[in-house]
Amino acid sequence: MWLRHETALAAAITEATGAPEDDVRVAALARFVMESPSLVHGRENPRRALDEIFNLLEHGWRDGSP
């Protein structure tokens, strides 16, 4: 089930960015986004954790620290 959504998300990212259809970075971003709910499940503040994940995806790892 997730694969269908991951593929659709990758297609949307490709369309929005103009990236090539086979760009592995697009596939990776879609995969990371789809996996994020499982990473925040059970956290004390899942919303904050999700914000941190998306901040990492948007800005990358800065200064060698999370």
Foldseek 3Di string as FASTA:
>chain_A
DLVVVLLVQLVVVCVVPVDDSPPVVSSVLSVLLSCLVVVLPPPPDSVVSSVVSVCCVVPNDPPVHD
